[in-house]
Amino acid sequence: MRARGERKEAGSWVKFRLLMWKNFVQQLRHPVQTAAELLLPVLTMSLVLVLRSQIDPEVLETRTYLPIPAHTLNYSVTVLGGMNLTRMSMAFSLENAVAV
């Protein structure tokens, strides 16, 4: 038997129910915040869908490039020498079953 002043510790389920009740009461006490939490994600995704429907997709044909030998820099010097350095860009392609 327990002594008169001892209390039984609450289990996980009781703690979870109390936490959910506290959250529910807090949501009731702040209706503007609750409405914002519910409506802002819906409005944001609606805006994304509307904007996406306004833009037509642009289909580009697949570009293929000839392989460049990596064991020497002789070819790289000619390529880099003729490049416009103000508009530099980098391209990389994996060589595997997905990319081929």
PDB file of N, CA and C in Angstrom:
ATOM      1  N   MET A   1       0.829  -1.198   0.000  1.00  0.00           N
ATOM      2  CA  MET A   1       0.000   0.000   0.000  1.00  0.00           C
ATOM      3  C   MET A   1       0.867   1.252   0.000  1.00  0.00           C
ATOM      4  N   ARG A   2       0.319   2.256  -0.600  1.00  0.00           N
ATOM      5  CA  ARG A   2       1.034   3.527  -0.629  1.00  0.00           C
ATOM      6  C   ARG A   2       0.742   4.308   0.634  1.00  0.00           C
ATOM      7  N   ALA A   3       1.720   5.110   0.958  1.00  0.00           N
ATOM      8  CA  ALA A   3       1.503   6.003   2.099  1.00  0.00           C
ATOM      9  C   ALA A   3       0.550   7.104   1.672  1.00  0.00           C
ATOM     10  N   ARG A   4       0.054   7.809   2.609  1.00  0.00           N
ATOM     11  CA  ARG A   4      -0.968   8.811   2.331  1.00  0.00           C
ATOM     12  C   ARG A   4      -0.469   9.938   1.423  1.00  0.00           C
ATOM     13  N   GLY A   5       0.770  10.374   1.547  1.00  0.00           N
ATOM     14  CA  GLY A   5       1.287  11.488   0.750  1.00  0.00           C
ATOM     15  C   GLY A   5       1.835  11.082  -0.609  1.00  0.00           C
ATOM     16  N   GLU A   6       2.014   9.789  -0.863  1.00  0.00           N
ATOM     17  CA  GLU A   6       2.589   9.347  -2.134  1.00  0.00           C
ATOM     18  C   GLU A   6       1.555   9.425  -3.254  1.00  0.00           C
ATOM     19  N   ARG A   7       2.075   9.755  -4.440  1.00  0.00           N
ATOM     20  CA  ARG A   7       1.201   9.793  -5.615  1.00  0.00           C
ATOM     21  C   ARG A   7       1.744   8.854  -6.674  1.00  0.00           C
ATOM     22  N   LYS A   8       0.855   8.301  -7.431  1.00  0.00           N
ATOM     23  CA  LYS A   8       1.247   7.435  -8.540  1.00  0.00           C
ATOM     24  C   LYS A   8       1.655   8.322  -9.714  1.00  0.00           C
ATOM     25  N   GLU A   9       2.795   7.998 -10.334  1.00  0.00           N
ATOM     26  CA  GLU A   9       3.261   8.794 -11.469  1.00  0.00           C
ATOM     27  C   GLU A   9       2.372   8.525 -12.683  1.00  0.00           C
ATOM     28  N   ALA A  10       2.078   9.586 -13.416  1.00  0.00           N
ATOM     29  CA  ALA A  10       1.216   9.464 -14.593  1.00  0.00           C
ATOM     30  C   ALA A  10       1.953   8.707 -15.692  1.00  0.00           C
ATOM     31  N   GLY A  11       1.219   7.858 -16.390  1.00  0.00           N
ATOM     32  CA  GLY A  11       1.801   7.095 -17.489  1.00  0.00           C
ATOM     33  C   GLY A  11       1.893   7.940 -18.753  1.00  0.00           C
ATOM     34  N   SER A  12       2.473   7.346 -19.770  1.00  0.00           N
ATOM     35  CA  SER A  12       2.669   8.060 -21.035  1.00  0.00           C
ATOM     36  C   SER A  12       1.342   8.465 -21.668  1.00  0.00           C
ATOM     37  N   TRP A  13       0.343   7.579 -21.610  1.00  0.00           N
ATOM     38  CA  TRP A  13      -0.949   7.881 -22.224  1.00  0.00           C
ATOM     39  C   TRP A  13      -1.635   9.045 -21.525  1.00  0.00           C
ATOM     40  N   VAL A  14      -1.563   9.105 -20.211  1.00  0.00           N
ATOM     41  CA  VAL A  14      -2.182  10.197 -19.452  1.00  0.00           C
ATOM     42  C   VAL A  14      -1.475  11.511 -19.773  1.00  0.00           C
ATOM     43  N   LYS A  15      -0.154  11.478 -19.848  1.00  0.00           N
ATOM     44  CA  LYS A  15       0.597  12.688 -20.189  1.00  0.00           C
ATOM     45  C   LYS A  15       0.249  13.169 -21.598  1.00  0.00           C
ATOM     46  N   PHE A  16       0.117  12.222 -22.526  1.00  0.00           N
ATOM     47  CA  PHE A  16      -0.237  12.586 -23.897  1.00  0.00           C
ATOM     48  C   PHE A  16      -1.619  13.222 -23.958  1.00  0.00           C
ATOM     49  N   ARG A  17      -2.586  12.643 -23.245  1.00  0.00           N
ATOM     50  CA  ARG A  17      -3.945  13.209 -23.222  1.00  0.00           C
ATOM     51  C   ARG A  17      -3.948  14.606 -22.619  1.00  0.00           C
ATOM     52  N   LEU A  18      -3.198  14.812 -21.543  1.00  0.00           N
ATOM     53  CA  LEU A  18      -3.132  16.140 -20.931  1.00  0.00           C
ATOM     54  C   LEU A  18      -2.502  17.154 -21.883  1.00  0.00           C
ATOM     55  N   LEU A  19      -1.457  16.739 -22.586  1.00  0.00           N
ATOM     56  CA  LEU A  19      -0.813  17.633 -23.544  1.00  0.00           C
ATOM     57  C   LEU A  19      -1.760  17.988 -24.687  1.00  0.00           C
ATOM     58  N   MET A  20      -2.519  17.009 -25.177  1.00  0.00           N
ATOM     59  CA  MET A  20      -3.481  17.283 -26.245  1.00  0.00           C
ATOM     60  C   MET A  20      -4.597  18.200 -25.754  1.00  0.00           C
ATOM     61  N   TRP A  21      -5.049  18.003 -24.526  1.00  0.00           N
ATOM     62  CA  TRP A  21      -6.086  18.868 -23.960  1.00  0.00           C
ATOM     63  C   TRP A  21      -5.561  20.296 -23.822  1.00  0.00           C
ATOM     64  N   LYS A  22      -4.342  20.437 -23.345  1.00  0.00           N
ATOM     65  CA  LYS A  22      -3.744  21.765 -23.201  1.00  0.00           C
ATOM     66  C   LYS A  22      -3.634  22.450 -24.567  1.00  0.00           C
ATOM     67  N   ASN A  23      -3.224  21.710 -25.581  1.00  0.00           N
ATOM     68  CA  ASN A  23      -3.113  22.265 -26.925  1.00  0.00           C
ATOM     69  C   ASN A  23      -4.482  22.688 -27.448  1.00  0.00           C
ATOM     70  N   PHE A  24      -5.504  21.872 -27.214  1.00  0.00           N
ATOM     71  CA  PHE A  24      -6.858  22.191 -27.656  1.00  0.00           C
ATOM     72  C   PHE A  24      -7.368  23.467 -26.989  1.00  0.00           C
ATOM     73  N   VAL A  25      -7.147  23.592 -25.689  1.00  0.00           N
ATOM     74  CA  VAL A  25      -7.588  24.789 -24.957  1.00  0.00           C
ATOM     75  C   VAL A  25      -6.849  26.021 -25.470  1.00  0.00           C
ATOM     76  N   GLN A  26      -5.564  25.867 -25.734  1.00  0.00           N
ATOM     77  CA  GLN A  26      -4.784  26.995 -26.244  1.00  0.00           C
ATOM     78  C   GLN A  26      -5.293  27.424 -27.627  1.00  0.00           C
ATOM     79  N   GLN A  27      -5.642  26.468 -28.474  1.00  0.00           N
ATOM     80  CA  GLN A  27      -6.168  26.801 -29.795  1.00  0.00           C
ATOM     81  C   GLN A  27      -7.503  27.535 -29.681  1.00  0.00           C
ATOM     82  N   LEU A  28      -8.332  27.144 -28.720  1.00  0.00           N
ATOM     83  CA  LEU A  28      -9.615  27.823 -28.526  1.00  0.00           C
ATOM     84  C   LEU A  28      -9.426  29.253 -28.026  1.00  0.00           C
ATOM     85  N   ARG A  29      -8.405  29.488 -27.233  1.00  0.00           N
ATOM     86  CA  ARG A  29      -8.184  30.817 -26.662  1.00  0.00           C
ATOM     87  C   ARG A  29      -7.561  31.794 -27.654  1.00  0.00           C
ATOM     88  N   HIS A  30      -6.993  31.287 -28.740  1.00  0.00           N
ATOM     89  CA  HIS A  30      -6.357  32.149 -29.742  1.00  0.00           C
ATOM     90  C   HIS A  30      -6.922  31.821 -31.127  1.00  0.00           C
ATOM     91  N   PRO A  31      -8.147  32.265 -31.422  1.00  0.00           N
ATOM     92  CA  PRO A  31      -8.775  31.876 -32.692  1.00  0.00           C
ATOM     93  C   PRO A  31      -8.089  32.481 -33.923  1.00  0.00           C
ATOM     94  N   VAL A  32      -7.523  33.679 -33.802  1.00  0.00           N
ATOM     95  CA  VAL A  32      -6.856  34.293 -34.959  1.00  0.00           C
ATOM     96  C   VAL A  32      -5.613  33.486 -35.328  1.00  0.00           C
ATOM     97  N   GLN A  33      -4.849  33.103 -34.330  1.00  0.00           N
ATOM     98  CA  GLN A  33      -3.652  32.303 -34.578  1.00  0.00           C
ATOM     99  C   GLN A  33      -4.022  30.942 -35.167  1.00  0.00           C
ATOM    100  N   THR A  34      -5.084  30.350 -34.665  1.00  0.00           N
ATOM    101  CA  THR A  34      -5.535  29.061 -35.187  1.00  0.00           C
ATOM    102  C   THR A  34      -5.962  29.187 -36.649  1.00  0.00           C
ATOM    103  N   ALA A  35      -6.698  30.245 -36.955  1.00  0.00           N
ATOM    104  CA  ALA A  35      -7.124  30.462 -38.341  1.00  0.00           C
ATOM    105  C   ALA A  35      -5.915  30.684 -39.247  1.00  0.00           C
ATOM    106  N   ALA A  36      -4.933  31.440 -38.768  1.00  0.00           N
ATOM    107  CA  ALA A  36      -3.729  31.679 -39.566  1.00  0.00           C
ATOM    108  C   ALA A  36      -2.967  30.376 -39.803  1.00  0.00           C
ATOM    109  N   GLU A  37      -2.874  29.529 -38.781  1.00  0.00           N
ATOM    110  CA  GLU A  37      -2.173  28.255 -38.925  1.00  0.00           C
ATOM    111  C   GLU A  37      -2.863  27.335 -39.923  1.00  0.00           C
ATOM    112  N   LEU A  38      -4.166  27.452 -40.042  1.00  0.00           N
ATOM    113  CA  LEU A  38      -4.894  26.610 -40.981  1.00  0.00           C
ATOM    114  C   LEU A  38      -4.949  27.203 -42.385  1.00  0.00           C
ATOM    115  N   LEU A  39      -5.109  28.524 -42.485  1.00  0.00           N
ATOM    116  CA  LEU A  39      -5.332  29.148 -43.787  1.00  0.00           C
ATOM    117  C   LEU A  39      -4.051  29.499 -44.548  1.00  0.00           C
ATOM    118  N   LEU A  40      -2.991  29.876 -43.853  1.00  0.00           N
ATOM    119  CA  LEU A  40      -1.774  30.284 -44.560  1.00  0.00           C
ATOM    120  C   LEU A  40      -1.178  29.180 -45.440  1.00  0.00           C
ATOM    121  N   PRO A  41      -1.047  27.946 -44.974  1.00  0.00           N
ATOM    122  CA  PRO A  41      -0.543  26.910 -45.888  1.00  0.00           C
ATOM    123  C   PRO A  41      -1.468  26.665 -47.077  1.00  0.00           C
ATOM    124  N   VAL A  42      -2.774  26.718 -46.844  1.00  0.00           N
ATOM    125  CA  VAL A  42      -3.728  26.503 -47.938  1.00  0.00           C
ATOM    126  C   VAL A  42      -3.614  27.629 -48.961  1.00  0.00           C
ATOM    127  N   LEU A  43      -3.543  28.863 -48.491  1.00  0.00           N
ATOM    128  CA  LEU A  43      -3.422  30.000 -49.405  1.00  0.00           C
ATOM    129  C   LEU A  43      -2.091  29.984 -50.156  1.00  0.00           C
ATOM    130  N   THR A  44      -1.026  29.616 -49.474  1.00  0.00           N
ATOM    131  CA  THR A  44       0.283  29.566 -50.128  1.00  0.00           C
ATOM    132  C   THR A  44       0.296  28.529 -51.241  1.00  0.00           C
ATOM    133  N   MET A  45      -0.210  27.340 -50.966  1.00  0.00           N
ATOM    134  CA  MET A  45      -0.220  26.300 -51.993  1.00  0.00           C
ATOM    135  C   MET A  45      -1.189  26.644 -53.123  1.00  0.00           C
ATOM    136  N   SER A  46      -2.281  27.334 -52.808  1.00  0.00           N
ATOM    137  CA  SER A  46      -3.198  27.786 -53.860  1.00  0.00           C
ATOM    138  C   SER A  46      -2.508  28.777 -54.779  1.00  0.00           C
ATOM    139  N   LEU A  47      -1.739  29.686 -54.200  1.00  0.00           N
ATOM    140  CA  LEU A  47      -0.989  30.651 -55.002  1.00  0.00           C
ATOM    141  C   LEU A  47       0.030  29.945 -55.890  1.00  0.00           C
ATOM    142  N   VAL A  48       0.712  28.948 -55.357  1.00  0.00           N
ATOM    143  CA  VAL A  48       1.683  28.192 -56.152  1.00  0.00           C
ATOM    144  C   VAL A  48       0.986  27.490 -57.314  1.00  0.00           C
ATOM    145  N   LEU A  49      -0.170  26.884 -57.061  1.00  0.00           N
ATOM    146  CA  LEU A  49      -0.893  26.192 -58.128  1.00  0.00           C
ATOM    147  C   LEU A  49      -1.391  27.154 -59.197  1.00  0.00           C
ATOM    148  N   VAL A  50      -1.880  28.323 -58.783  1.00  0.00           N
ATOM    149  CA  VAL A  50      -2.354  29.312 -59.755  1.00  0.00           C
ATOM    150  C   VAL A  50      -1.194  29.806 -60.610  1.00  0.00           C
ATOM    151  N   LEU A  51      -0.071  30.121 -59.977  1.00  0.00           N
ATOM    152  CA  LEU A  51       1.085  30.595 -60.738  1.00  0.00           C
ATOM    153  C   LEU A  51       1.617  29.514 -61.670  1.00  0.00           C
ATOM    154  N   ARG A  52       1.604  28.280 -61.201  1.00  0.00           N
ATOM    155  CA  ARG A  52       2.097  27.192 -62.044  1.00  0.00           C
ATOM    156  C   ARG A  52       1.196  26.978 -63.260  1.00  0.00           C
ATOM    157  N   SER A  53      -0.109  27.171 -63.094  1.00  0.00           N
ATOM    158  CA  SER A  53      -1.013  26.986 -64.230  1.00  0.00           C
ATOM    159  C   SER A  53      -0.893  28.126 -65.241  1.00  0.00           C
ATOM    160  N   GLN A  54      -0.377  29.269 -64.820  1.00  0.00           N
ATOM    161  CA  GLN A  54      -0.229  30.411 -65.721  1.00  0.00           C
ATOM    162  C   GLN A  54       0.999  30.292 -66.622  1.00  0.00           C
ATOM    163  N   ILE A  55       1.965  29.484 -66.230  1.00  0.00           N
ATOM    164  CA  ILE A  55       3.215  29.369 -66.975  1.00  0.00           C
ATOM    165  C   ILE A  55       3.192  28.078 -67.781  1.00  0.00           C
ATOM    166  N   ASP A  56       3.375  28.208 -69.093  1.00  0.00           N
ATOM    167  CA  ASP A  56       3.417  27.030 -69.952  1.00  0.00           C
ATOM    168  C   ASP A  56       4.799  26.386 -69.862  1.00  0.00           C
ATOM    169  N   PRO A  57       4.847  25.066 -69.760  1.00  0.00           N
ATOM    170  CA  PRO A  57       6.155  24.400 -69.701  1.00  0.00           C
ATOM    171  C   PRO A  57       6.873  24.491 -71.039  1.00  0.00           C
ATOM    172  N   GLU A  58       8.170  24.611 -70.978  1.00  0.00           N
ATOM    173  CA  GLU A  58       8.985  24.715 -72.182  1.00  0.00           C
ATOM    174  C   GLU A  58       9.760  23.412 -72.340  1.00  0.00           C
ATOM    175  N   VAL A  59       9.496  22.697 -73.415  1.00  0.00           N
ATOM    176  CA  VAL A  59      10.160  21.418 -73.654  1.00  0.00           C
ATOM    177  C   VAL A  59      11.399  21.672 -74.500  1.00  0.00           C
ATOM    178  N   LEU A  60      12.540  21.269 -73.973  1.00  0.00           N
ATOM    179  CA  LEU A  60      13.803  21.437 -74.681  1.00  0.00           C
ATOM    180  C   LEU A  60      14.298  20.078 -75.147  1.00  0.00           C
ATOM    181  N   GLU A  61      14.910  20.069 -76.318  1.00  0.00           N
ATOM    182  CA  GLU A  61      15.463  18.813 -76.806  1.00  0.00           C
ATOM    183  C   GLU A  61      16.743  18.481 -76.036  1.00  0.00           C
ATOM    184  N   THR A  62      17.054  17.208 -75.973  1.00  0.00           N
ATOM    185  CA  THR A  62      18.222  16.751 -75.234  1.00  0.00           C
ATOM    186  C   THR A  62      19.488  17.135 -75.979  1.00  0.00           C
ATOM    187  N   ARG A  63      20.417  17.726 -75.258  1.00  0.00           N
ATOM    188  CA  ARG A  63      21.699  18.098 -75.859  1.00  0.00           C
ATOM    189  C   ARG A  63      22.733  17.036 -75.527  1.00  0.00           C
ATOM    190  N   THR A  64      23.506  16.664 -76.509  1.00  0.00           N
ATOM    191  CA  THR A  64      24.597  15.721 -76.282  1.00  0.00           C
ATOM    192  C   THR A  64      25.901  16.395 -76.681  1.00  0.00           C
ATOM    193  N   TYR A  65      26.928  16.112 -75.939  1.00  0.00           N
ATOM    194  CA  TYR A  65      28.240  16.701 -76.182  1.00  0.00           C
ATOM    195  C   TYR A  65      29.247  15.586 -76.402  1.00  0.00           C
ATOM    196  N   LEU A  66      30.245  15.880 -77.201  1.00  0.00           N
ATOM    197  CA  LEU A  66      31.312  14.922 -77.435  1.00  0.00           C
ATOM    198  C   LEU A  66      32.178  14.816 -76.190  1.00  0.00           C
ATOM    199  N   PRO A  67      32.705  13.639 -75.912  1.00  0.00           N
ATOM    200  CA  PRO A  67      33.561  13.508 -74.732  1.00  0.00           C
ATOM    201  C   PRO A  67      34.877  14.255 -74.926  1.00  0.00           C
ATOM    202  N   ILE A  68      35.384  14.787 -73.848  1.00  0.00           N
ATOM    203  CA  ILE A  68      36.655  15.512 -73.858  1.00  0.00           C
ATOM    204  C   ILE A  68      37.666  14.669 -73.092  1.00  0.00           C
ATOM    205  N   PRO A  69      38.832  14.407 -73.675  1.00  0.00           N
ATOM    206  CA  PRO A  69      39.827  13.606 -72.951  1.00  0.00           C
ATOM    207  C   PRO A  69      40.327  14.352 -71.714  1.00  0.00           C
ATOM    208  N   ALA A  70      40.380  13.646 -70.596  1.00  0.00           N
ATOM    209  CA  ALA A  70      40.774  14.279 -69.348  1.00  0.00           C
ATOM    210  C   ALA A  70      42.246  14.079 -69.027  1.00  0.00           C
ATOM    211  N   HIS A  71      42.951  13.250 -69.797  1.00  0.00           N
ATOM    212  CA  HIS A  71      44.347  12.957 -69.467  1.00  0.00           C
ATOM    213  C   HIS A  71      45.318  14.036 -69.943  1.00  0.00           C
ATOM    214  N   THR A  72      44.859  14.976 -70.719  1.00  0.00           N
ATOM    215  CA  THR A  72      45.746  16.030 -71.201  1.00  0.00           C
ATOM    216  C   THR A  72      45.037  17.372 -71.138  1.00  0.00           C
ATOM    217  N   LEU A  73      45.803  18.423 -71.008  1.00  0.00           N
ATOM    218  CA  LEU A  73      45.234  19.765 -70.981  1.00  0.00           C
ATOM    219  C   LEU A  73      45.348  20.470 -72.329  1.00  0.00           C
ATOM    220  N   ASN A  74      45.920  19.807 -73.342  1.00  0.00           N
ATOM    221  CA  ASN A  74      46.096  20.454 -74.640  1.00  0.00           C
ATOM    222  C   ASN A  74      44.754  20.891 -75.226  1.00  0.00           C
ATOM    223  N   TYR A  75      43.754  20.020 -75.154  1.00  0.00           N
ATOM    224  CA  TYR A  75      42.442  20.371 -75.685  1.00  0.00           C
ATOM    225  C   TYR A  75      41.786  21.447 -74.833  1.00  0.00           C
ATOM    226  N   SER A  76      41.997  21.370 -73.524  1.00  0.00           N
ATOM    227  CA  SER A  76      41.386  22.340 -72.620  1.00  0.00           C
ATOM    228  C   SER A  76      41.903  23.744 -72.873  1.00  0.00           C
ATOM    229  N   VAL A  77      43.165  23.864 -73.226  1.00  0.00           N
ATOM    230  CA  VAL A  77      43.737  25.192 -73.476  1.00  0.00           C
ATOM    231  C   VAL A  77      43.052  25.835 -74.673  1.00  0.00           C
ATOM    232  N   THR A  78      42.802  25.069 -75.722  1.00  0.00           N
ATOM    233  CA  THR A  78      42.146  25.654 -76.895  1.00  0.00           C
ATOM    234  C   THR A  78      40.695  26.009 -76.596  1.00  0.00           C
ATOM    235  N   VAL A  79      40.036  25.178 -75.799  1.00  0.00           N
ATOM    236  CA  VAL A  79      38.645  25.466 -75.456  1.00  0.00           C
ATOM    237  C   VAL A  79      38.574  26.680 -74.545  1.00  0.00           C
ATOM    238  N   LEU A  80      39.394  26.706 -73.500  1.00  0.00           N
ATOM    239  CA  LEU A  80      39.363  27.822 -72.560  1.00  0.00           C
ATOM    240  C   LEU A  80      39.860  29.111 -73.194  1.00  0.00           C
ATOM    241  N   GLY A  81      40.755  29.006 -74.164  1.00  0.00           N
ATOM    242  CA  GLY A  81      41.272  30.208 -74.819  1.00  0.00           C
ATOM    243  C   GLY A  81      40.212  30.923 -75.635  1.00  0.00           C
ATOM    244  N   GLY A  82      39.253  30.187 -76.193  1.00  0.00           N
ATOM    245  CA  GLY A  82      38.233  30.798 -77.021  1.00  0.00           C
ATOM    246  C   GLY A  82      36.947  31.123 -76.290  1.00  0.00           C
ATOM    247  N   MET A  83      36.948  30.954 -74.973  1.00  0.00           N
ATOM    248  CA  MET A  83      35.714  31.186 -74.219  1.00  0.00           C
ATOM    249  C   MET A  83      35.537  32.648 -73.875  1.00  0.00           C
ATOM    250  N   ASN A  84      34.286  33.040 -73.768  1.00  0.00           N
ATOM    251  CA  ASN A  84      33.947  34.368 -73.285  1.00  0.00           C
ATOM    252  C   ASN A  84      33.922  34.292 -71.759  1.00  0.00           C
ATOM    253  N   LEU A  85      34.918  34.848 -71.097  1.00  0.00           N
ATOM    254  CA  LEU A  85      35.066  34.697 -69.654  1.00  0.00           C
ATOM    255  C   LEU A  85      34.017  35.464 -68.869  1.00  0.00           C
ATOM    256  N   THR A  86      33.300  36.376 -69.502  1.00  0.00           N
ATOM    257  CA  THR A  86      32.264  37.113 -68.782  1.00  0.00           C
ATOM    258  C   THR A  86      30.993  36.284 -68.620  1.00  0.00           C
ATOM    259  N   ARG A  87      30.833  35.249 -69.437  1.00  0.00           N
ATOM    260  CA  ARG A  87      29.639  34.403 -69.354  1.00  0.00           C
ATOM    261  C   ARG A  87      30.048  32.952 -69.129  1.00  0.00           C
ATOM    262  N   MET A  88      30.699  32.687 -68.012  1.00  0.00           N
ATOM    263  CA  MET A  88      31.168  31.342 -67.689  1.00  0.00           C
ATOM    264  C   MET A  88      29.998  30.490 -67.182  1.00  0.00           C
ATOM    265  N   SER A  89      30.012  29.226 -67.527  1.00  0.00           N
ATOM    266  CA  SER A  89      29.033  28.279 -67.006  1.00  0.00           C
ATOM    267  C   SER A  89      29.696  26.914 -66.911  1.00  0.00           C
ATOM    268  N   MET A  90      29.081  26.038 -66.138  1.00  0.00           N
ATOM    269  CA  MET A  90      29.639  24.703 -65.952  1.00  0.00           C
ATOM    270  C   MET A  90      28.556  23.669 -66.237  1.00  0.00           C
ATOM    271  N   ALA A  91      28.938  22.604 -66.918  1.00  0.00           N
ATOM    272  CA  ALA A  91      28.009  21.512 -67.193  1.00  0.00           C
ATOM    273  C   ALA A  91      28.640  20.214 -66.721  1.00  0.00           C
ATOM    274  N   PHE A  92      27.819  19.325 -66.178  1.00  0.00           N
ATOM    275  CA  PHE A  92      28.303  18.041 -65.685  1.00  0.00           C
ATOM    276  C   PHE A  92      27.237  17.000 -65.959  1.00  0.00           C
ATOM    277  N   SER A  93      27.665  15.846 -66.405  1.00  0.00           N
ATOM    278  CA  SER A  93      26.723  14.765 -66.666  1.00  0.00           C
ATOM    279  C   SER A  93      27.295  13.467 -66.124  1.00  0.00           C
ATOM    280  N   LEU A  94      26.501  12.776 -65.337  1.00  0.00           N
ATOM    281  CA  LEU A  94      26.915  11.474 -64.839  1.00  0.00           C
ATOM    282  C   LEU A  94      26.825  10.455 -65.959  1.00  0.00           C
ATOM    283  N   GLU A  95      27.725   9.511 -65.957  1.00  0.00           N
ATOM    284  CA  GLU A  95      27.657   8.454 -66.956  1.00  0.00           C
ATOM    285  C   GLU A  95      27.181   7.187 -66.256  1.00  0.00           C
ATOM    286  N   ASN A  96      25.868   7.001 -66.246  1.00  0.00           N
ATOM    287  CA  ASN A  96      25.284   5.798 -65.655  1.00  0.00           C
ATOM    288  C   ASN A  96      24.015   5.454 -66.415  1.00  0.00           C
ATOM    289  N   ALA A  97      23.332   4.426 -65.981  1.00  0.00           N
ATOM    290  CA  ALA A  97      22.142   3.957 -66.698  1.00  0.00           C
ATOM    291  C   ALA A  97      21.016   4.980 -66.681  1.00  0.00           C
ATOM    292  N   VAL A  98      20.964   5.826 -65.666  1.00  0.00           N
ATOM    293  CA  VAL A  98      19.897   6.818 -65.581  1.00  0.00           C
ATOM    294  C   VAL A  98      20.151   7.950 -66.564  1.00  0.00           C
ATOM    295  N   ALA A  99      21.395   8.399 -66.673  1.00  0.00           N
ATOM    296  CA  ALA A  99      21.716   9.556 -67.504  1.00  0.00           C
ATOM    297  C   ALA A  99      21.896   9.191 -68.965  1.00  0.00           C
ATOM    298  N   VAL A 100      22.155   7.931 -69.268  1.00  0.00           N
ATOM    299  CA  VAL A 100      22.434   7.544 -70.650  1.00  0.00           C
ATOM    300  C   VAL A 100      21.167   7.363 -71.415  1.00  0.00           C
TER     301      VAL A 100
END
